[in-house]
Amino acid sequence: MTIGIGFMNLTVNPLIAAAVFGATIVTDAVYVFFTAAVASRHRFRAANWSAVWYLLAAFAVINYTGNPVYVVFAALGSWVGAFLSVTWLNREQPEIAPVRPGPP
């Protein structure tokens, strides 16, 4: 009986890294829109966003499960996607100026 220990492939293909990064940007943006649709109780919109979310997440998971280095690109893409999509959702809401306390 032979017991072997496999080594992980830690080389990075820049094209796959960029694809995982881009896929997770879009995945997180879709997740934010899904959450907004659920919070607004829009059933059809939430169901559509949910389906798109899972399709995009599957691409990223399939690509980085063979190489754990791609998790870093997925995490970076996730951060960028959430940041940009929440920024886009807040585009119509003006910044609220802080209220300065006046004399009593």
PDB file of N, CA and C in Angstrom:
ATOM      1  N   MET A   1       0.845  -1.183   0.000  1.00  0.00           N
ATOM      2  CA  MET A   1       0.000   0.000   0.000  1.00  0.00           C
ATOM      3  C   MET A   1       0.887   1.242   0.000  1.00  0.00           C
ATOM      4  N   THR A   2       0.643   2.120  -0.917  1.00  0.00           N
ATOM      5  CA  THR A   2       1.437   3.332  -1.040  1.00  0.00           C
ATOM      6  C   THR A   2       0.596   4.527  -0.624  1.00  0.00           C
ATOM      7  N   ILE A   3       1.148   5.313   0.253  1.00  0.00           N
ATOM      8  CA  ILE A   3       0.475   6.543   0.689  1.00  0.00           C
ATOM      9  C   ILE A   3       1.263   7.711   0.133  1.00  0.00           C
ATOM     10  N   GLY A   4       0.629   8.488  -0.673  1.00  0.00           N
ATOM     11  CA  GLY A   4       1.302   9.642  -1.273  1.00  0.00           C
ATOM     12  C   GLY A   4       0.652  10.935  -0.820  1.00  0.00           C
ATOM     13  N   ILE A   5       1.438  11.932  -0.743  1.00  0.00           N
ATOM     14  CA  ILE A   5       0.935  13.252  -0.392  1.00  0.00           C
ATOM     15  C   ILE A   5       1.014  14.113  -1.642  1.00  0.00           C
ATOM     16  N   GLY A   6      -0.118  14.591  -2.088  1.00  0.00           N
ATOM     17  CA  GLY A   6      -0.142  15.443  -3.274  1.00  0.00           C
ATOM     18  C   GLY A   6       0.203  16.874  -2.911  1.00  0.00           C
ATOM     19  N   PHE A   7       0.859  17.526  -3.819  1.00  0.00           N
ATOM     20  CA  PHE A   7       1.198  18.925  -3.621  1.00  0.00           C
ATOM     21  C   PHE A   7       0.233  19.790  -4.419  1.00  0.00           C
ATOM     22  N   MET A   8      -0.123  20.909  -3.839  1.00  0.00           N
ATOM     23  CA  MET A   8      -1.031  21.828  -4.516  1.00  0.00           C
ATOM     24  C   MET A   8      -0.278  22.622  -5.574  1.00  0.00           C
ATOM     25  N   ASN A   9      -0.964  22.885  -6.641  1.00  0.00           N
ATOM     26  CA  ASN A   9      -0.415  23.730  -7.684  1.00  0.00           C
ATOM     27  C   ASN A   9      -0.681  25.178  -7.303  1.00  0.00           C
ATOM     28  N   LEU A  10       0.350  25.936  -7.017  1.00  0.00           N
ATOM     29  CA  LEU A  10       0.183  27.321  -6.580  1.00  0.00           C
ATOM     30  C   LEU A  10       0.591  28.327  -7.646  1.00  0.00           C
ATOM     31  N   THR A  11       0.744  27.887  -8.873  1.00  0.00           N
ATOM     32  CA  THR A  11       1.043  28.833  -9.945  1.00  0.00           C
ATOM     33  C   THR A  11      -0.233  29.579 -10.322  1.00  0.00           C
ATOM     34  N   VAL A  12      -0.061  30.793 -10.786  1.00  0.00           N
ATOM     35  CA  VAL A  12      -1.206  31.644 -11.096  1.00  0.00           C
ATOM     36  C   VAL A  12      -1.214  31.958 -12.589  1.00  0.00           C
ATOM     37  N   ASN A  13      -2.341  31.681 -13.214  1.00  0.00           N
ATOM     38  CA  ASN A  13      -2.560  32.073 -14.594  1.00  0.00           C
ATOM     39  C   ASN A  13      -3.236  33.440 -14.552  1.00  0.00           C
ATOM     40  N   PRO A  14      -2.606  34.499 -15.075  1.00  0.00           N
ATOM     41  CA  PRO A  14      -3.177  35.846 -14.977  1.00  0.00           C
ATOM     42  C   PRO A  14      -4.567  35.964 -15.600  1.00  0.00           C
ATOM     43  N   LEU A  15      -4.828  35.214 -16.652  1.00  0.00           N
ATOM     44  CA  LEU A  15      -6.140  35.266 -17.289  1.00  0.00           C
ATOM     45  C   LEU A  15      -7.223  34.684 -16.372  1.00  0.00           C
ATOM     46  N   ILE A  16      -6.909  33.561 -15.738  1.00  0.00           N
ATOM     47  CA  ILE A  16      -7.885  32.963 -14.809  1.00  0.00           C
ATOM     48  C   ILE A  16      -8.035  33.847 -13.581  1.00  0.00           C
ATOM     49  N   ALA A  17      -6.941  34.408 -13.090  1.00  0.00           N
ATOM     50  CA  ALA A  17      -7.011  35.307 -11.934  1.00  0.00           C
ATOM     51  C   ALA A  17      -7.902  36.507 -12.248  1.00  0.00           C
ATOM     52  N   ALA A  18      -7.753  37.072 -13.434  1.00  0.00           N
ATOM     53  CA  ALA A  18      -8.588  38.214 -13.833  1.00  0.00           C
ATOM     54  C   ALA A  18     -10.043  37.792 -13.986  1.00  0.00           C
ATOM     55  N   ALA A  19     -10.272  36.600 -14.517  1.00  0.00           N
ATOM     56  CA  ALA A  19     -11.648  36.112 -14.675  1.00  0.00           C
ATOM     57  C   ALA A  19     -12.307  35.871 -13.327  1.00  0.00           C
ATOM     58  N   VAL A  20     -11.571  35.291 -12.382  1.00  0.00           N
ATOM     59  CA  VAL A  20     -12.120  35.066 -11.037  1.00  0.00           C
ATOM     60  C   VAL A  20     -12.391  36.403 -10.366  1.00  0.00           C
ATOM     61  N   PHE A  21     -11.460  37.340 -10.484  1.00  0.00           N
ATOM     62  CA  PHE A  21     -11.632  38.678  -9.916  1.00  0.00           C
ATOM     63  C   PHE A  21     -12.886  39.342 -10.489  1.00  0.00           C
ATOM     64  N   GLY A  22     -13.008  39.328 -11.816  1.00  0.00           N
ATOM     65  CA  GLY A  22     -14.176  39.932 -12.466  1.00  0.00           C
ATOM     66  C   GLY A  22     -15.471  39.225 -12.104  1.00  0.00           C
ATOM     67  N   ALA A  23     -15.431  37.903 -12.059  1.00  0.00           N
ATOM     68  CA  ALA A  23     -16.649  37.148 -11.728  1.00  0.00           C
ATOM     69  C   ALA A  23     -17.122  37.454 -10.313  1.00  0.00           C
ATOM     70  N   THR A  24     -16.187  37.604  -9.386  1.00  0.00           N
ATOM     71  CA  THR A  24     -16.612  37.896  -8.016  1.00  0.00           C
ATOM     72  C   THR A  24     -17.051  39.351  -7.855  1.00  0.00           C
ATOM     73  N   ILE A  25     -16.519  40.265  -8.672  1.00  0.00           N
ATOM     74  CA  ILE A  25     -17.042  41.639  -8.658  1.00  0.00           C
ATOM     75  C   ILE A  25     -18.517  41.609  -9.035  1.00  0.00           C
ATOM     76  N   VAL A  26     -18.793  40.952 -10.144  1.00  0.00           N
ATOM     77  CA  VAL A  26     -20.179  40.882 -10.614  1.00  0.00           C
ATOM     78  C   VAL A  26     -21.042  40.079  -9.642  1.00  0.00           C
ATOM     79  N   THR A  27     -20.489  39.001  -9.089  1.00  0.00           N
ATOM     80  CA  THR A  27     -21.249  38.166  -8.147  1.00  0.00           C
ATOM     81  C   THR A  27     -21.663  38.975  -6.925  1.00  0.00           C
ATOM     82  N   ASP A  28     -20.751  39.740  -6.374  1.00  0.00           N
ATOM     83  CA  ASP A  28     -21.106  40.525  -5.189  1.00  0.00           C
ATOM     84  C   ASP A  28     -22.084  41.642  -5.519  1.00  0.00           C
ATOM     85  N   ALA A  29     -21.931  42.241  -6.689  1.00  0.00           N
ATOM     86  CA  ALA A  29     -22.896  43.261  -7.094  1.00  0.00           C
ATOM     87  C   ALA A  29     -24.287  42.645  -7.214  1.00  0.00           C
ATOM     88  N   VAL A  30     -24.358  41.471  -7.816  1.00  0.00           N
ATOM     89  CA  VAL A  30     -25.647  40.780  -7.946  1.00  0.00           C
ATOM     90  C   VAL A  30     -26.201  40.439  -6.567  1.00  0.00           C
ATOM     91  N   TYR A  31     -25.332  40.023  -5.644  1.00  0.00           N
ATOM     92  CA  TYR A  31     -25.781  39.709  -4.284  1.00  0.00           C
ATOM     93  C   TYR A  31     -26.377  40.944  -3.601  1.00  0.00           C
ATOM     94  N   VAL A  32     -25.764  42.096  -3.799  1.00  0.00           N
ATOM     95  CA  VAL A  32     -26.296  43.326  -3.209  1.00  0.00           C
ATOM     96  C   VAL A  32     -27.672  43.640  -3.796  1.00  0.00           C
ATOM     97  N   PHE A  33     -27.819  43.471  -5.118  1.00  0.00           N
ATOM     98  CA  PHE A  33     -29.119  43.718  -5.743  1.00  0.00           C
ATOM     99  C   PHE A  33     -30.152  42.691  -5.285  1.00  0.00           C
ATOM    100  N   PHE A  34     -29.717  41.457  -5.088  1.00  0.00           N
ATOM    101  CA  PHE A  34     -30.608  40.419  -4.558  1.00  0.00           C
ATOM    102  C   PHE A  34     -31.098  40.811  -3.159  1.00  0.00           C
ATOM    103  N   THR A  35     -30.175  41.224  -2.318  1.00  0.00           N
ATOM    104  CA  THR A  35     -30.539  41.618  -0.956  1.00  0.00           C
ATOM    105  C   THR A  35     -31.477  42.818  -0.963  1.00  0.00           C
ATOM    106  N   ALA A  36     -31.229  43.789  -1.826  1.00  0.00           N
ATOM    107  CA  ALA A  36     -32.108  44.957  -1.923  1.00  0.00           C
ATOM    108  C   ALA A  36     -33.502  44.540  -2.392  1.00  0.00           C
ATOM    109  N   ALA A  37     -33.575  43.600  -3.329  1.00  0.00           N
ATOM    110  CA  ALA A  37     -34.879  43.131  -3.813  1.00  0.00           C
ATOM    111  C   ALA A  37     -35.628  42.385  -2.716  1.00  0.00           C
ATOM    112  N   VAL A  38     -34.914  41.578  -1.932  1.00  0.00           N
ATOM    113  CA  VAL A  38     -35.557  40.866  -0.818  1.00  0.00           C
ATOM    114  C   VAL A  38     -36.047  41.860   0.224  1.00  0.00           C
ATOM    115  N   ALA A  39     -35.210  42.843   0.564  1.00  0.00           N
ATOM    116  CA  ALA A  39     -35.604  43.843   1.558  1.00  0.00           C
ATOM    117  C   ALA A  39     -36.817  44.645   1.095  1.00  0.00           C
ATOM    118  N   SER A  40     -36.921  44.849  -0.222  1.00  0.00           N
ATOM    119  CA  SER A  40     -38.070  45.576  -0.780  1.00  0.00           C
ATOM    120  C   SER A  40     -39.262  44.662  -1.045  1.00  0.00           C
ATOM    121  N   ARG A  41     -39.081  43.375  -0.795  1.00  0.00           N
ATOM    122  CA  ARG A  41     -40.130  42.356  -0.998  1.00  0.00           C
ATOM    123  C   ARG A  41     -40.585  42.268  -2.449  1.00  0.00           C
ATOM    124  N   HIS A  42     -39.638  42.365  -3.365  1.00  0.00           N
ATOM    125  CA  HIS A  42     -39.919  42.177  -4.790  1.00  0.00           C
ATOM    126  C   HIS A  42     -39.564  40.737  -5.132  1.00  0.00           C
ATOM    127  N   ARG A  43     -40.572  39.861  -5.133  1.00  0.00           N
ATOM    128  CA  ARG A  43     -40.338  38.421  -5.284  1.00  0.00           C
ATOM    129  C   ARG A  43     -39.700  38.058  -6.611  1.00  0.00           C
ATOM    130  N   PHE A  44     -40.243  38.539  -7.703  1.00  0.00           N
ATOM    131  CA  PHE A  44     -39.741  38.177  -9.027  1.00  0.00           C
ATOM    132  C   PHE A  44     -38.311  38.679  -9.219  1.00  0.00           C
ATOM    133  N   ARG A  45     -38.067  39.917  -8.837  1.00  0.00           N
ATOM    134  CA  ARG A  45     -36.728  40.490  -8.963  1.00  0.00           C
ATOM    135  C   ARG A  45     -35.727  39.734  -8.087  1.00  0.00           C
ATOM    136  N   ALA A  46     -36.131  39.407  -6.865  1.00  0.00           N
ATOM    137  CA  ALA A  46     -35.246  38.666  -5.960  1.00  0.00           C
ATOM    138  C   ALA A  46     -34.935  37.278  -6.511  1.00  0.00           C
ATOM    139  N   ALA A  47     -35.934  36.613  -7.067  1.00  0.00           N
ATOM    140  CA  ALA A  47     -35.711  35.280  -7.626  1.00  0.00           C
ATOM    141  C   ALA A  47     -34.761  35.340  -8.825  1.00  0.00           C
ATOM    142  N   ASN A  48     -34.910  36.333  -9.676  1.00  0.00           N
ATOM    143  CA  ASN A  48     -34.006  36.487 -10.826  1.00  0.00           C
ATOM    144  C   ASN A  48     -32.572  36.756 -10.382  1.00  0.00           C
ATOM    145  N   TRP A  49     -32.411  37.684  -9.431  1.00  0.00           N
ATOM    146  CA  TRP A  49     -31.070  37.988  -8.939  1.00  0.00           C
ATOM    147  C   TRP A  49     -30.447  36.770  -8.271  1.00  0.00           C
ATOM    148  N   SER A  50     -31.242  35.989  -7.573  1.00  0.00           N
ATOM    149  CA  SER A  50     -30.742  34.795  -6.906  1.00  0.00           C
ATOM    150  C   SER A  50     -30.200  33.792  -7.919  1.00  0.00           C
ATOM    151  N   ALA A  51     -30.924  33.579  -9.009  1.00  0.00           N
ATOM    152  CA  ALA A  51     -30.475  32.634 -10.034  1.00  0.00           C
ATOM    153  C   ALA A  51     -29.168  33.100 -10.679  1.00  0.00           C
ATOM    154  N   VAL A  52     -29.084  34.381 -10.986  1.00  0.00           N
ATOM    155  CA  VAL A  52     -27.860  34.923 -11.584  1.00  0.00           C
ATOM    156  C   VAL A  52     -26.699  34.810 -10.602  1.00  0.00           C
ATOM    157  N   TRP A  53     -26.971  35.081  -9.336  1.00  0.00           N
ATOM    158  CA  TRP A  53     -25.958  35.009  -8.285  1.00  0.00           C
ATOM    159  C   TRP A  53     -25.332  33.616  -8.236  1.00  0.00           C
ATOM    160  N   TYR A  54     -26.138  32.577  -8.238  1.00  0.00           N
ATOM    161  CA  TYR A  54     -25.605  31.220  -8.168  1.00  0.00           C
ATOM    162  C   TYR A  54     -24.826  30.828  -9.412  1.00  0.00           C
ATOM    163  N   LEU A  55     -25.262  31.257 -10.576  1.00  0.00           N
ATOM    164  CA  LEU A  55     -24.511  30.955 -11.797  1.00  0.00           C
ATOM    165  C   LEU A  55     -23.120  31.593 -11.763  1.00  0.00           C
ATOM    166  N   LEU A  56     -23.046  32.841 -11.335  1.00  0.00           N
ATOM    167  CA  LEU A  56     -21.758  33.527 -11.274  1.00  0.00           C
ATOM    168  C   LEU A  56     -20.858  32.953 -10.181  1.00  0.00           C
ATOM    169  N   ALA A  57     -21.443  32.625  -9.044  1.00  0.00           N
ATOM    170  CA  ALA A  57     -20.660  32.060  -7.944  1.00  0.00           C
ATOM    171  C   ALA A  57     -20.071  30.711  -8.346  1.00  0.00           C
ATOM    172  N   ALA A  58     -20.811  29.947  -9.113  1.00  0.00           N
ATOM    173  CA  ALA A  58     -20.313  28.640  -9.549  1.00  0.00           C
ATOM    174  C   ALA A  58     -19.044  28.785 -10.381  1.00  0.00           C
ATOM    175  N   PHE A  59     -18.981  29.774 -11.248  1.00  0.00           N
ATOM    176  CA  PHE A  59     -17.782  29.990 -12.059  1.00  0.00           C
ATOM    177  C   PHE A  59     -16.569  30.244 -11.175  1.00  0.00           C
ATOM    178  N   ALA A  60     -16.710  31.137 -10.221  1.00  0.00           N
ATOM    179  CA  ALA A  60     -15.581  31.473  -9.346  1.00  0.00           C
ATOM    180  C   ALA A  60     -15.163  30.266  -8.515  1.00  0.00           C
ATOM    181  N   VAL A  61     -16.115  29.553  -7.957  1.00  0.00           N
ATOM    182  CA  VAL A  61     -15.789  28.396  -7.121  1.00  0.00           C
ATOM    183  C   VAL A  61     -15.090  27.316  -7.935  1.00  0.00           C
ATOM    184  N   ILE A  62     -15.596  27.025  -9.111  1.00  0.00           N
ATOM    185  CA  ILE A  62     -14.988  25.991  -9.946  1.00  0.00           C
ATOM    186  C   ILE A  62     -13.552  26.369 -10.308  1.00  0.00           C
ATOM    187  N   ASN A  63     -13.309  27.637 -10.562  1.00  0.00           N
ATOM    188  CA  ASN A  63     -11.971  28.054 -10.963  1.00  0.00           C
ATOM    189  C   ASN A  63     -10.975  28.103  -9.818  1.00  0.00           C
ATOM    190  N   TYR A  64     -11.378  28.492  -8.624  1.00  0.00           N
ATOM    191  CA  TYR A  64     -10.354  28.611  -7.581  1.00  0.00           C
ATOM    192  C   TYR A  64     -10.275  27.411  -6.651  1.00  0.00           C
ATOM    193  N   THR A  65     -11.138  26.431  -6.777  1.00  0.00           N
ATOM    194  CA  THR A  65     -11.020  25.259  -5.909  1.00  0.00           C
ATOM    195  C   THR A  65      -9.803  24.421  -6.253  1.00  0.00           C
ATOM    196  N   GLY A  66      -9.351  24.467  -7.478  1.00  0.00           N
ATOM    197  CA  GLY A  66      -8.153  23.724  -7.843  1.00  0.00           C
ATOM    198  C   GLY A  66      -6.870  24.412  -7.393  1.00  0.00           C
ATOM    199  N   ASN A  67      -6.941  25.668  -7.064  1.00  0.00           N
ATOM    200  CA  ASN A  67      -5.754  26.418  -6.662  1.00  0.00           C
ATOM    201  C   ASN A  67      -6.171  27.458  -5.628  1.00  0.00           C
ATOM    202  N   PRO A  68      -5.757  27.283  -4.390  1.00  0.00           N
ATOM    203  CA  PRO A  68      -6.196  28.199  -3.327  1.00  0.00           C
ATOM    204  C   PRO A  68      -5.717  29.641  -3.494  1.00  0.00           C
ATOM    205  N   VAL A  69      -4.747  29.899  -4.351  1.00  0.00           N
ATOM    206  CA  VAL A  69      -4.268  31.265  -4.567  1.00  0.00           C
ATOM    207  C   VAL A  69      -5.386  32.130  -5.145  1.00  0.00           C
ATOM    208  N   TYR A  70      -6.277  31.513  -5.932  1.00  0.00           N
ATOM    209  CA  TYR A  70      -7.354  32.276  -6.560  1.00  0.00           C
ATOM    210  C   TYR A  70      -8.377  32.790  -5.548  1.00  0.00           C
ATOM    211  N   VAL A  71      -8.348  32.269  -4.344  1.00  0.00           N
ATOM    212  CA  VAL A  71      -9.250  32.771  -3.298  1.00  0.00           C
ATOM    213  C   VAL A  71      -8.951  34.240  -3.022  1.00  0.00           C
ATOM    214  N   VAL A  72      -7.688  34.631  -3.111  1.00  0.00           N
ATOM    215  CA  VAL A  72      -7.309  36.034  -2.897  1.00  0.00           C
ATOM    216  C   VAL A  72      -7.970  36.916  -3.952  1.00  0.00           C
ATOM    217  N   PHE A  73      -7.947  36.475  -5.200  1.00  0.00           N
ATOM    218  CA  PHE A  73      -8.582  37.245  -6.269  1.00  0.00           C
ATOM    219  C   PHE A  73     -10.100  37.280  -6.091  1.00  0.00           C
ATOM    220  N   ALA A  74     -10.658  36.184  -5.612  1.00  0.00           N
ATOM    221  CA  ALA A  74     -12.101  36.141  -5.349  1.00  0.00           C
ATOM    222  C   ALA A  74     -12.472  37.114  -4.228  1.00  0.00           C
ATOM    223  N   ALA A  75     -11.661  37.155  -3.171  1.00  0.00           N
ATOM    224  CA  ALA A  75     -11.941  38.066  -2.056  1.00  0.00           C
ATOM    225  C   ALA A  75     -11.826  39.526  -2.493  1.00  0.00           C
ATOM    226  N   LEU A  76     -10.810  39.841  -3.281  1.00  0.00           N
ATOM    227  CA  LEU A  76     -10.658  41.214  -3.780  1.00  0.00           C
ATOM    228  C   LEU A  76     -11.824  41.601  -4.680  1.00  0.00           C
ATOM    229  N   GLY A  77     -12.213  40.703  -5.552  1.00  0.00           N
ATOM    230  CA  GLY A  77     -13.356  40.965  -6.419  1.00  0.00           C
ATOM    231  C   GLY A  77     -14.641  41.128  -5.632  1.00  0.00           C
ATOM    232  N   SER A  78     -14.781  40.350  -4.582  1.00  0.00           N
ATOM    233  CA  SER A  78     -15.960  40.445  -3.729  1.00  0.00           C
ATOM    234  C   SER A  78     -16.048  41.823  -3.079  1.00  0.00           C
ATOM    235  N   TRP A  79     -14.925  42.303  -2.580  1.00  0.00           N
ATOM    236  CA  TRP A  79     -14.900  43.617  -1.931  1.00  0.00           C
ATOM    237  C   TRP A  79     -15.255  44.708  -2.933  1.00  0.00           C
ATOM    238  N   VAL A  80     -14.622  44.668  -4.098  1.00  0.00           N
ATOM    239  CA  VAL A  80     -14.869  45.691  -5.116  1.00  0.00           C
ATOM    240  C   VAL A  80     -16.322  45.649  -5.582  1.00  0.00           C
ATOM    241  N   GLY A  81     -16.850  44.458  -5.795  1.00  0.00           N
ATOM    242  CA  GLY A  81     -18.237  44.328  -6.248  1.00  0.00           C
ATOM    243  C   GLY A  81     -19.234  44.886  -5.258  1.00  0.00           C
ATOM    244  N   ALA A  82     -19.053  44.574  -3.982  1.00  0.00           N
ATOM    245  CA  ALA A  82     -19.962  45.096  -2.960  1.00  0.00           C
ATOM    246  C   ALA A  82     -19.845  46.616  -2.855  1.00  0.00           C
ATOM    247  N   PHE A  83     -18.624  47.123  -2.862  1.00  0.00           N
ATOM    248  CA  PHE A  83     -18.412  48.566  -2.746  1.00  0.00           C
ATOM    249  C   PHE A  83     -19.059  49.317  -3.904  1.00  0.00           C
ATOM    250  N   LEU A  84     -18.810  48.860  -5.128  1.00  0.00           N
ATOM    251  CA  LEU A  84     -19.350  49.552  -6.296  1.00  0.00           C
ATOM    252  C   LEU A  84     -20.871  49.452  -6.388  1.00  0.00           C
ATOM    253  N   SER A  85     -21.418  48.298  -6.052  1.00  0.00           N
ATOM    254  CA  SER A  85     -22.870  48.149  -6.181  1.00  0.00           C
ATOM    255  C   SER A  85     -23.612  48.956  -5.121  1.00  0.00           C
ATOM    256  N   VAL A  86     -23.087  49.021  -3.906  1.00  0.00           N
ATOM    257  CA  VAL A  86     -23.738  49.853  -2.886  1.00  0.00           C
ATOM    258  C   VAL A  86     -23.585  51.324  -3.245  1.00  0.00           C
ATOM    259  N   THR A  87     -22.438  51.701  -3.800  1.00  0.00           N
ATOM    260  CA  THR A  87     -22.261  53.072  -4.280  1.00  0.00           C
ATOM    261  C   THR A  87     -23.289  53.388  -5.358  1.00  0.00           C
ATOM    262  N   TRP A  88     -23.508  52.446  -6.282  1.00  0.00           N
ATOM    263  CA  TRP A  88     -24.483  52.651  -7.359  1.00  0.00           C
ATOM    264  C   TRP A  88     -25.899  52.747  -6.798  1.00  0.00           C
ATOM    265  N   LEU A  89     -26.236  51.922  -5.812  1.00  0.00           N
ATOM    266  CA  LEU A  89     -27.574  51.978  -5.219  1.00  0.00           C
ATOM    267  C   LEU A  89     -27.817  53.297  -4.492  1.00  0.00           C
ATOM    268  N   ASN A  90     -26.774  53.900  -3.965  1.00  0.00           N
ATOM    269  CA  ASN A  90     -26.908  55.154  -3.209  1.00  0.00           C
ATOM    270  C   ASN A  90     -26.728  56.392  -4.083  1.00  0.00           C
ATOM    271  N   ARG A  91     -26.701  56.244  -5.384  1.00  0.00           N
ATOM    272  CA  ARG A  91     -26.412  57.375  -6.282  1.00  0.00           C
ATOM    273  C   ARG A  91     -27.466  58.456  -6.238  1.00  0.00           C
ATOM    274  N   GLU A  92     -28.694  58.123  -5.896  1.00  0.00           N
ATOM    275  CA  GLU A  92     -29.772  59.114  -5.891  1.00  0.00           C
ATOM    276  C   GLU A  92     -29.979  59.755  -4.529  1.00  0.00           C
ATOM    277  N   GLN A  93     -29.296  59.251  -3.530  1.00  0.00           N
ATOM    278  CA  GLN A  93     -29.468  59.792  -2.186  1.00  0.00           C
ATOM    279  C   GLN A  93     -28.343  60.775  -1.895  1.00  0.00           C
ATOM    280  N   PRO A  94     -28.690  62.060  -1.709  1.00  0.00           N
ATOM    281  CA  PRO A  94     -27.637  63.037  -1.425  1.00  0.00           C
ATOM    282  C   PRO A  94     -27.055  62.800  -0.032  1.00  0.00           C
ATOM    283  N   GLU A  95     -25.840  63.222   0.110  1.00  0.00           N
ATOM    284  CA  GLU A  95     -25.203  63.130   1.417  1.00  0.00           C
ATOM    285  C   GLU A  95     -25.962  63.996   2.414  1.00  0.00           C
ATOM    286  N   ILE A  96     -26.176  63.490   3.585  1.00  0.00           N
ATOM    287  CA  ILE A  96     -26.874  64.236   4.626  1.00  0.00           C
ATOM    288  C   ILE A  96     -25.848  65.035   5.399  1.00  0.00           C
ATOM    289  N   ALA A  97     -26.045  66.335   5.426  1.00  0.00           N
ATOM    290  CA  ALA A  97     -25.112  67.200   6.146  1.00  0.00           C
ATOM    291  C   ALA A  97     -25.335  67.026   7.651  1.00  0.00           C
ATOM    292  N   PRO A  98     -24.254  66.989   8.402  1.00  0.00           N
ATOM    293  CA  PRO A  98     -24.414  66.861   9.851  1.00  0.00           C
ATOM    294  C   PRO A  98     -25.101  68.089  10.433  1.00  0.00           C
ATOM    295  N   VAL A  99     -25.930  67.854  11.413  1.00  0.00           N
ATOM    296  CA  VAL A  99     -26.631  68.953  12.073  1.00  0.00           C
ATOM    297  C   VAL A  99     -25.733  69.494  13.184  1.00  0.00           C
ATOM    298  N   ARG A 100     -25.446  70.786  13.079  1.00  0.00           N
ATOM    299  CA  ARG A 100     -24.614  71.415  14.104  1.00  0.00           C
ATOM    300  C   ARG A 100     -25.480  71.913  15.233  1.00  0.00           C
ATOM    301  N   PRO A 101     -25.054  71.651  16.413  1.00  0.00           N
ATOM    302  CA  PRO A 101     -25.865  72.135  17.541  1.00  0.00           C
ATOM    303  C   PRO A 101     -25.853  73.663  17.604  1.00  0.00           C
ATOM    304  N   GLY A 102     -27.019  74.229  17.784  1.00  0.00           N
ATOM    305  CA  GLY A 102     -27.141  75.683  17.890  1.00  0.00           C
ATOM    306  C   GLY A 102     -27.206  76.095  19.355  1.00  0.00           C
ATOM    307  N   PRO A 103     -27.356  77.371  19.564  1.00  0.00           N
ATOM    308  CA  PRO A 103     -27.468  77.830  20.952  1.00  0.00           C
ATOM    309  C   PRO A 103     -28.762  77.301  21.572  1.00  0.00           C
ATOM    310  N   PRO A 104     -28.760  77.050  22.857  1.00  0.00           N
ATOM    311  CA  PRO A 104     -29.973  76.511  23.501  1.00  0.00           C
ATOM    312  C   PRO A 104     -31.120  77.469  23.551  1.00  0.00           C
TER     313      PRO A 104
END
